[in-house]
Protein backbone atom coordinates (compact mmCIF):
# COMPACT_ATOMS: atom_id res chain seq x y z
CA SER A 1 130.45 171.71 77.16
CA LEU A 2 127.57 171.73 74.09
CA LEU A 3 126.16 174.73 74.86
CA ASN A 4 129.54 176.65 74.47
CA ALA A 5 130.63 174.54 71.18
CA PRO A 6 131.01 176.78 67.99
CA ALA A 7 128.02 176.75 65.69
CA ALA A 8 128.18 174.60 63.11
CA THR A 9 128.51 176.28 59.56
CA ALA A 10 127.20 174.97 56.15
CA PRO A 11 130.08 174.51 53.64
CA ALA A 12 130.46 177.31 51.62
CA LYS A 13 129.20 176.89 48.04
CA PRO A 14 130.91 177.67 45.11
CA GLN A 15 130.15 180.19 42.91
CA GLN A 16 128.54 179.70 39.94
CA GLU A 17 128.68 182.28 36.86
CA SER A 18 125.30 183.48 35.96
CA ILE A 19 124.51 183.94 32.37
CA SER A 20 122.47 186.65 30.82
CA VAL A 21 120.03 185.86 27.95
CA ASP A 22 118.60 188.50 26.40
CA PRO A 23 114.97 187.18 24.94
CA ASN A 24 114.69 190.41 22.59
CA ALA A 25 117.97 189.91 20.26
CA TYR A 26 115.92 186.63 19.32
CA ASP A 27 113.52 186.49 16.25
CA ARG A 28 111.32 184.31 17.90
CA VAL A 29 110.67 183.14 21.85
CA CYS A 30 109.08 179.52 21.74
CA ILE A 31 108.15 178.42 24.81
CA ALA A 32 107.65 174.57 25.65
CA PHE A 33 103.91 175.00 27.54
CA SER A 34 102.55 172.82 29.54
CA GLY A 35 99.92 175.16 31.09
CA GLY A 36 101.76 174.62 34.19
CA LYS A 37 103.08 177.13 36.78
CA ASP A 38 106.48 177.36 35.70
CA SER A 39 105.43 177.67 32.07
CA LEU A 40 103.05 180.46 32.70
CA ALA A 41 105.88 181.99 35.13
CA LEU A 42 108.00 181.68 32.03
CA LEU A 43 105.68 183.68 29.54
CA LEU A 44 104.87 186.29 32.06
CA HIS A 45 108.70 186.50 32.51
CA VAL A 46 108.84 187.06 28.89
CA LEU A 47 106.58 189.60 28.44
CA GLU A 48 107.93 191.62 31.40
CA LEU A 49 111.11 191.52 29.72
CA GLY A 50 109.39 193.56 26.87
CA VAL A 51 109.40 190.94 23.90
CA PRO A 52 106.27 191.87 21.68
CA ARG A 53 103.53 189.39 21.61
CA GLU A 54 104.05 188.63 18.36
CA LYS A 55 107.07 186.83 18.44
CA ILE A 56 106.31 184.54 21.43
CA GLU A 57 104.77 181.05 20.52
CA LEU A 58 103.52 178.87 23.21
CA HIS A 59 104.23 175.07 22.52
CA HIS A 60 101.89 172.39 23.88
CA HIS A 61 102.78 168.74 23.77
CA LEU A 62 99.48 166.29 23.77
CA VAL A 63 100.86 163.57 25.96
CA ASP A 64 97.71 161.77 25.08
CA GLY A 65 97.80 162.61 21.62
CA ARG A 66 95.07 163.30 19.40
CA GLU A 67 93.64 159.87 18.63
CA GLY A 68 91.50 159.14 21.95
CA SER A 69 93.07 157.89 25.24
CA THR A 70 92.51 160.50 27.98
CA LEU A 71 95.22 158.40 30.21
CA MET A 72 97.60 161.41 31.39
CA ASP A 73 96.21 164.81 30.31
CA TRP A 74 93.40 166.67 32.34
CA PRO A 75 90.58 166.83 29.87
CA ILE A 76 90.64 170.68 30.34
CA THR A 77 94.52 171.26 29.50
CA GLU A 78 94.00 172.11 25.67
CA SER A 79 91.41 174.61 26.42
CA TYR A 80 93.13 176.01 29.07
CA CYS A 81 96.51 176.74 26.87
CA GLU A 82 93.95 177.94 24.13
CA ALA A 83 92.55 180.46 26.57
CA ILE A 84 96.08 181.73 28.03
CA ALA A 85 97.28 182.17 24.71
CA ARG A 86 94.17 184.08 23.64
CA ALA A 87 94.48 186.08 26.59
CA PHE A 88 97.82 187.00 26.55
CA GLY A 89 97.97 187.47 22.50
CA VAL A 90 100.15 184.58 21.76
CA GLN A 91 100.41 181.77 19.14
CA LEU A 92 100.08 178.34 20.50
CA THR A 93 101.05 175.47 18.49
CA TYR A 94 100.80 171.80 19.07
CA SER A 95 102.78 168.45 18.74
CA TRP A 96 101.79 164.86 19.82
CA ARG A 97 102.87 161.14 19.14
CA GLU A 98 100.43 159.25 17.52
CA GLY A 99 98.40 157.14 20.36
CA GLY A 100 99.99 159.38 22.86
CA ILE A 101 102.00 158.13 25.95
CA GLU A 102 99.48 155.09 26.29
CA ARG A 103 100.27 153.71 22.70
CA GLU A 104 104.20 153.59 23.60
CA MET A 105 103.23 152.52 27.35
CA LEU A 106 101.63 149.16 25.86
CA ARG A 107 104.44 148.80 22.77
CA ASN A 108 104.56 145.10 21.91
CA GLY A 109 106.88 144.40 18.69
CA ASP A 110 106.06 147.96 17.26
CA ALA A 111 107.89 150.74 16.14
CA THR A 112 107.64 153.86 18.19
CA ALA A 113 104.84 155.77 16.82
CA PRO A 114 105.14 158.83 14.61
CA VAL A 115 105.03 162.65 15.71
CA PHE A 116 102.94 165.02 14.20
CA ILE A 117 104.00 168.55 14.21
CA PRO A 118 102.42 171.91 12.92
CA ASP A 119 102.92 172.34 9.21
CA GLY A 120 101.15 175.60 7.64
CA GLU A 121 97.12 174.95 8.52
CA GLY A 122 97.88 171.31 9.22
CA PHE A 123 99.94 168.75 10.83
CA ARG A 124 102.99 166.47 9.37
CA ARG A 125 103.50 163.27 10.57
CA LEU A 126 107.40 162.61 11.03
CA GLY A 127 109.02 158.69 12.19
CA GLY A 128 107.09 155.98 12.97
CA GLN A 129 109.60 153.63 10.89
CA GLY A 130 112.23 152.67 13.38
CA PRO A 131 113.03 149.14 14.65
CA GLU A 132 110.38 147.26 15.97
CA GLY A 133 110.56 147.14 19.95
CA THR A 134 108.55 146.44 23.05
CA ARG A 135 108.31 149.24 26.06
CA ARG A 136 105.31 147.48 27.90
CA LYS A 137 106.38 149.41 31.33
CA PHE A 138 104.39 151.94 33.00
CA PRO A 139 106.17 155.31 32.92
CA GLN A 140 108.83 155.46 35.78
CA VAL A 141 108.28 158.31 39.11
CA SER A 142 111.88 158.94 39.23
CA ALA A 143 114.84 161.55 38.87
CA ASP A 144 116.94 159.22 36.81
CA LEU A 145 116.27 159.35 33.35
CA SER A 146 117.44 155.86 32.34
CA VAL A 147 114.17 154.62 33.52
CA ARG A 148 112.22 157.77 33.11
CA TRP A 149 111.42 157.20 29.16
CA CYS A 150 107.93 159.24 29.48
CA SER A 151 109.01 163.21 29.39
CA SER A 152 111.69 161.87 26.23
CA VAL A 153 109.09 159.90 24.71
CA ALA A 154 106.00 162.25 24.85
CA LYS A 155 107.54 165.42 25.24
CA ILE A 156 111.21 166.18 24.61
CA ASP A 157 111.01 164.26 21.22
CA CYS A 158 108.29 165.97 20.12
CA PHE A 159 109.53 168.98 20.63
CA ALA A 160 112.67 168.32 19.13
CA ARG A 161 111.45 166.89 15.94
CA TYR A 162 109.27 170.07 15.83
CA LEU A 163 112.37 172.30 16.35
CA ASN A 164 114.32 169.98 13.83
CA ASN A 165 111.87 170.06 10.82
CA HIS A 166 109.60 173.17 10.57
CA PRO A 167 111.29 175.36 8.09
CA MET A 168 110.47 178.21 10.16
CA PHE A 169 113.48 177.27 12.50
CA THR A 170 116.04 177.37 9.44
CA GLU A 171 115.82 180.91 9.35
CA GLY A 172 116.36 183.64 11.68
CA THR A 173 117.16 183.02 15.85
CA THR A 174 114.68 180.91 18.22
CA LEU A 175 115.26 181.03 22.20
CA VAL A 176 113.96 178.20 23.07
């Protein structure tokens, strides 16, 4: 009978090798900081591990850019990130794609917009001279990155351009 049948067991999961990283071994720790719970938890964890505050940088991607769009970011996001950085005594920097995700979403026969990265007391403009193309698509809600272009355009590419083009990252070691 079913009452006497042995209980089903889940298949054994393969053992995963854990990797241990000591953030104190790096010259700087750069955290992609959205202001959400995950990036805040990472900041707290890095501080608990004893990384000196002067070695920590929070880097926030302004998804709407700085040209006036209010499509995606909460109005308080930038000031919230600034308050967190101030409260914990760490540096905060910004990058963004010109016109933000709204410009990219509405792109019709134009190159993908340039990215602005921190450079001294101001910002440096990178790119924007690529091939003309048309997006005309709202960001997809999907785990499939082949259709979910918004994160790569508004966040990942902006952060990569900062890491690959700021002279600070050519010296020493950085944990990202």
